[in-house]
Amino acid sequence: MSEAITGKELGMKSVRGRFMTVKEVASFLRVSVRWVHSHMADGTFPVRWFLIGLRDRVVDSADLDEYLSKVFMSAGTVPLPLKAERKLIKEASM
């Protein structure tokens, strides 16, 4: 496997992480390469991508990470319903 290419090396200032190829993105998201290509082609891929060369597409790993952090909440980050909060406060004051 080759070393990671960063946007800084290519003179791109809008890239914050490292470039991931379509194959790496598909593997990371556990979808097919064809799925990633088709969504990039019709403009429905939710993460910004860059065209490198004539046909190679890459995704900034920081953008992908940011998108996934917005979509998926980790356990314990969802606020409790107000009723459950009141119950916890009541039990703590006893």
N, C-alpha and C. Protein backbone atom coordinates (compact mmCIF):
# COMPACT_ATOMS: atom_id res chain seq x y z
N MET A 1 0.84 -1.17 0.00
CA MET A 1 0.00 0.00 0.00
C MET A 1 0.89 1.24 0.00
N SER A 2 0.53 2.24 -0.78
CA SER A 2 1.32 3.45 -0.87
C SER A 2 1.05 4.36 0.32
N GLU A 3 1.92 5.35 0.50
CA GLU A 3 1.75 6.29 1.60
C GLU A 3 0.56 7.20 1.34
N ALA A 4 -0.01 7.74 2.41
CA ALA A 4 -1.17 8.61 2.30
C ALA A 4 -0.77 9.93 1.64
N ILE A 5 -1.63 10.41 0.76
CA ILE A 5 -1.42 11.70 0.11
C ILE A 5 -2.29 12.72 0.81
N THR A 6 -1.72 13.84 1.17
CA THR A 6 -2.50 14.90 1.80
C THR A 6 -2.70 16.03 0.81
N GLY A 7 -3.70 16.85 1.08
CA GLY A 7 -3.98 18.00 0.22
C GLY A 7 -2.85 19.01 0.23
N LYS A 8 -2.15 19.09 1.35
CA LYS A 8 -1.04 20.04 1.48
C LYS A 8 0.05 19.71 0.46
N GLU A 9 0.28 18.43 0.25
CA GLU A 9 1.30 18.01 -0.72
C GLU A 9 0.94 18.41 -2.14
N LEU A 10 -0.38 18.50 -2.42
CA LEU A 10 -0.83 18.88 -3.75
C LEU A 10 -1.13 20.37 -3.87
N GLY A 11 -0.93 21.11 -2.77
CA GLY A 11 -1.18 22.54 -2.79
C GLY A 11 -2.63 22.91 -2.60
N MET A 12 -3.45 21.99 -2.12
CA MET A 12 -4.87 22.26 -1.90
C MET A 12 -5.07 22.66 -0.44
N LYS A 13 -5.61 23.84 -0.22
CA LYS A 13 -5.78 24.33 1.13
C LYS A 13 -7.10 23.92 1.76
N SER A 14 -8.05 23.42 0.99
CA SER A 14 -9.35 23.05 1.52
C SER A 14 -9.38 21.63 2.07
N VAL A 15 -8.30 20.89 1.94
CA VAL A 15 -8.24 19.51 2.41
C VAL A 15 -7.59 19.49 3.79
N ARG A 16 -8.29 18.88 4.76
CA ARG A 16 -7.79 18.88 6.13
C ARG A 16 -7.16 17.56 6.54
N GLY A 17 -7.65 16.45 6.01
CA GLY A 17 -7.15 15.14 6.38
C GLY A 17 -6.28 14.55 5.29
N ARG A 18 -6.39 13.25 5.12
CA ARG A 18 -5.68 12.58 4.04
C ARG A 18 -6.69 12.14 3.00
N PHE A 19 -6.22 11.92 1.79
CA PHE A 19 -7.11 11.48 0.72
C PHE A 19 -7.39 9.99 0.86
N MET A 20 -8.65 9.62 0.68
CA MET A 20 -9.05 8.23 0.64
C MET A 20 -9.58 7.94 -0.74
N THR A 21 -9.15 6.85 -1.34
CA THR A 21 -9.64 6.46 -2.65
C THR A 21 -11.07 5.94 -2.53
N VAL A 22 -11.73 5.79 -3.66
CA VAL A 22 -13.10 5.27 -3.66
C VAL A 22 -13.13 3.87 -3.06
N LYS A 23 -12.13 3.08 -3.34
CA LYS A 23 -12.08 1.72 -2.81
C LYS A 23 -11.95 1.75 -1.28
N GLU A 24 -11.13 2.66 -0.74
CA GLU A 24 -10.98 2.78 0.70
C GLU A 24 -12.27 3.28 1.36
N VAL A 25 -12.93 4.23 0.71
CA VAL A 25 -14.20 4.76 1.24
C VAL A 25 -15.25 3.67 1.26
N ALA A 26 -15.35 2.92 0.19
CA ALA A 26 -16.32 1.83 0.11
C ALA A 26 -16.06 0.78 1.19
N SER A 27 -14.81 0.44 1.38
CA SER A 27 -14.45 -0.53 2.41
C SER A 27 -14.79 0.01 3.80
N PHE A 28 -14.50 1.27 4.03
CA PHE A 28 -14.76 1.91 5.33
C PHE A 28 -16.26 1.98 5.63
N LEU A 29 -17.05 2.33 4.62
CA LEU A 29 -18.50 2.44 4.79
C LEU A 29 -19.22 1.11 4.67
N ARG A 30 -18.49 0.08 4.26
CA ARG A 30 -19.04 -1.26 4.05
C ARG A 30 -20.13 -1.28 2.98
N VAL A 31 -19.82 -0.61 1.88
CA VAL A 31 -20.68 -0.61 0.70
C VAL A 31 -19.81 -0.99 -0.49
N SER A 32 -20.43 -1.16 -1.64
CA SER A 32 -19.66 -1.54 -2.82
C SER A 32 -19.02 -0.30 -3.47
N VAL A 33 -17.96 -0.54 -4.21
CA VAL A 33 -17.30 0.53 -4.96
C VAL A 33 -18.26 1.11 -5.98
N ARG A 34 -19.06 0.26 -6.58
CA ARG A 34 -20.05 0.71 -7.57
C ARG A 34 -21.06 1.67 -6.93
N TRP A 35 -21.48 1.41 -5.69
CA TRP A 35 -22.41 2.28 -4.99
C TRP A 35 -21.81 3.68 -4.80
N VAL A 36 -20.55 3.73 -4.37
CA VAL A 36 -19.88 5.01 -4.16
C VAL A 36 -19.76 5.76 -5.48
N HIS A 37 -19.31 5.07 -6.53
CA HIS A 37 -19.17 5.70 -7.85
C HIS A 37 -20.51 6.24 -8.36
N SER A 38 -21.57 5.45 -8.22
CA SER A 38 -22.86 5.91 -8.75
C SER A 38 -23.38 7.12 -7.99
N HIS A 39 -23.20 7.16 -6.68
CA HIS A 39 -23.66 8.32 -5.91
C HIS A 39 -22.80 9.56 -6.16
N MET A 40 -21.53 9.35 -6.43
CA MET A 40 -20.68 10.49 -6.80
C MET A 40 -21.10 11.04 -8.16
N ALA A 41 -21.43 10.13 -9.08
CA ALA A 41 -21.78 10.54 -10.44
C ALA A 41 -23.10 11.32 -10.49
N ASP A 42 -24.08 10.90 -9.68
CA ASP A 42 -25.36 11.61 -9.73
C ASP A 42 -25.50 12.71 -8.68
N GLY A 43 -24.44 12.97 -7.93
CA GLY A 43 -24.43 14.10 -7.00
C GLY A 43 -25.11 13.85 -5.67
N THR A 44 -25.37 12.60 -5.33
CA THR A 44 -26.04 12.31 -4.06
C THR A 44 -25.09 11.79 -2.99
N PHE A 45 -23.80 11.74 -3.28
CA PHE A 45 -22.84 11.32 -2.26
C PHE A 45 -22.73 12.45 -1.24
N PRO A 46 -22.92 12.17 0.05
CA PRO A 46 -23.06 13.24 1.04
C PRO A 46 -21.76 13.94 1.44
N VAL A 47 -20.64 13.48 0.95
CA VAL A 47 -19.36 14.06 1.33
C VAL A 47 -18.69 14.65 0.09
N ARG A 48 -18.05 15.80 0.27
CA ARG A 48 -17.35 16.45 -0.85
C ARG A 48 -16.21 15.55 -1.32
N TRP A 49 -16.07 15.45 -2.63
CA TRP A 49 -14.99 14.64 -3.21
C TRP A 49 -14.25 15.48 -4.24
N PHE A 50 -13.04 15.03 -4.57
CA PHE A 50 -12.17 15.74 -5.51
C PHE A 50 -11.82 14.82 -6.66
N LEU A 51 -11.69 15.39 -7.82
CA LEU A 51 -11.26 14.66 -8.99
C LEU A 51 -9.75 14.82 -9.13
N ILE A 52 -9.04 13.71 -9.13
CA ILE A 52 -7.60 13.70 -9.29
C ILE A 52 -7.29 13.01 -10.62
N GLY A 53 -6.63 13.69 -11.50
CA GLY A 53 -6.38 13.13 -12.82
C GLY A 53 -7.65 13.16 -13.65
N LEU A 54 -7.76 12.23 -14.57
CA LEU A 54 -8.93 12.20 -15.44
C LEU A 54 -10.13 11.50 -14.82
N ARG A 55 -9.89 10.42 -14.08
CA ARG A 55 -11.02 9.63 -13.59
C ARG A 55 -10.94 9.28 -12.11
N ASP A 56 -9.83 9.51 -11.45
CA ASP A 56 -9.68 9.11 -10.06
C ASP A 56 -10.37 10.11 -9.13
N ARG A 57 -11.18 9.60 -8.25
CA ARG A 57 -11.88 10.43 -7.28
C ARG A 57 -11.39 10.09 -5.89
N VAL A 58 -11.22 11.12 -5.06
CA VAL A 58 -10.78 10.92 -3.69
C VAL A 58 -11.66 11.74 -2.75
N VAL A 59 -11.70 11.30 -1.50
CA VAL A 59 -12.49 11.96 -0.47
C VAL A 59 -11.55 12.35 0.66
N ASP A 60 -11.76 13.53 1.22
CA ASP A 60 -10.98 13.99 2.36
C ASP A 60 -11.45 13.21 3.59
N SER A 61 -10.52 12.56 4.29
CA SER A 61 -10.90 11.74 5.44
C SER A 61 -11.53 12.57 6.55
N ALA A 62 -11.12 13.83 6.70
CA ALA A 62 -11.72 14.69 7.74
C ALA A 62 -13.17 15.01 7.41
N ASP A 63 -13.48 15.22 6.14
CA ASP A 63 -14.87 15.48 5.74
C ASP A 63 -15.75 14.25 5.98
N LEU A 64 -15.21 13.07 5.67
CA LEU A 64 -15.96 11.83 5.88
C LEU A 64 -16.21 11.62 7.37
N ASP A 65 -15.20 11.86 8.18
CA ASP A 65 -15.34 11.71 9.62
C ASP A 65 -16.36 12.70 10.18
N GLU A 66 -16.34 13.93 9.70
CA GLU A 66 -17.29 14.95 10.14
C GLU A 66 -18.72 14.56 9.78
N TYR A 67 -18.92 14.06 8.56
CA TYR A 67 -20.25 13.63 8.14
C TYR A 67 -20.76 12.48 9.01
N LEU A 68 -19.90 11.49 9.24
CA LEU A 68 -20.32 10.34 10.03
C LEU A 68 -20.61 10.72 11.48
N SER A 69 -19.88 11.68 12.02
CA SER A 69 -20.15 12.10 13.40
C SER A 69 -21.48 12.83 13.51
N LYS A 70 -21.92 13.46 12.43
CA LYS A 70 -23.23 14.11 12.44
C LYS A 70 -24.36 13.10 12.29
N VAL A 71 -24.12 12.05 11.52
CA VAL A 71 -25.16 11.08 11.23
C VAL A 71 -25.37 10.09 12.37
N PHE A 72 -24.29 9.60 12.94
CA PHE A 72 -24.37 8.60 13.99
C PHE A 72 -24.04 9.21 15.34
N MET A 73 -24.88 8.95 16.32
CA MET A 73 -24.61 9.40 17.69
C MET A 73 -24.06 8.23 18.47
N SER A 74 -23.03 8.48 19.24
CA SER A 74 -22.48 7.40 20.06
C SER A 74 -23.37 7.19 21.28
N ALA A 75 -23.23 6.06 21.91
CA ALA A 75 -24.07 5.71 23.05
C ALA A 75 -23.89 6.72 24.17
N GLY A 76 -24.99 7.13 24.76
CA GLY A 76 -24.94 8.05 25.88
C GLY A 76 -24.95 9.52 25.51
N THR A 77 -25.01 9.85 24.23
CA THR A 77 -25.00 11.25 23.84
C THR A 77 -26.38 11.82 23.59
N VAL A 78 -27.37 10.96 23.49
CA VAL A 78 -28.73 11.42 23.27
C VAL A 78 -29.31 11.88 24.61
N PRO A 79 -29.89 13.07 24.67
CA PRO A 79 -30.43 13.54 25.94
C PRO A 79 -31.60 12.69 26.42
N LEU A 80 -31.72 12.59 27.73
CA LEU A 80 -32.82 11.84 28.32
C LEU A 80 -34.12 12.60 28.15
N PRO A 81 -35.24 11.88 28.08
CA PRO A 81 -36.52 12.58 28.09
C PRO A 81 -36.69 13.33 29.41
N LEU A 82 -37.45 14.40 29.39
CA LEU A 82 -37.63 15.24 30.56
C LEU A 82 -38.16 14.45 31.75
N LYS A 83 -39.06 13.51 31.51
CA LYS A 83 -39.63 12.68 32.58
C LYS A 83 -38.53 11.86 33.27
N ALA A 84 -37.61 11.30 32.49
CA ALA A 84 -36.52 10.50 33.06
C ALA A 84 -35.56 11.38 33.85
N GLU A 85 -35.31 12.61 33.38
CA GLU A 85 -34.43 13.53 34.11
C GLU A 85 -35.04 13.87 35.47
N ARG A 86 -36.33 14.16 35.49
CA ARG A 86 -37.00 14.50 36.75
C ARG A 86 -36.93 13.35 37.74
N LYS A 87 -37.08 12.13 37.22
CA LYS A 87 -37.01 10.94 38.09
C LYS A 87 -35.62 10.80 38.69
N LEU A 88 -34.57 11.02 37.89
CA LEU A 88 -33.21 10.92 38.39
C LEU A 88 -32.92 11.99 39.44
N ILE A 89 -33.41 13.21 39.20
CA ILE A 89 -33.20 14.29 40.16
C ILE A 89 -33.93 13.98 41.47
N LYS A 90 -35.14 13.45 41.36
CA LYS A 90 -35.94 13.11 42.55
C LYS A 90 -35.24 12.02 43.36
N GLU A 91 -34.72 10.99 42.69
CA GLU A 91 -34.03 9.89 43.38
C GLU A 91 -32.73 10.38 44.02
N ALA A 92 -32.03 11.32 43.38
CA ALA A 92 -30.78 11.82 43.93
C ALA A 92 -31.01 12.69 45.16
N SER A 93 -32.15 13.37 45.23
CA SER A 93 -32.41 14.24 46.36
C SER A 93 -32.91 13.48 47.59
N MET A 94 -33.31 12.23 47.43
CA MET A 94 -33.81 11.44 48.56
C MET A 94 -32.71 10.96 49.45
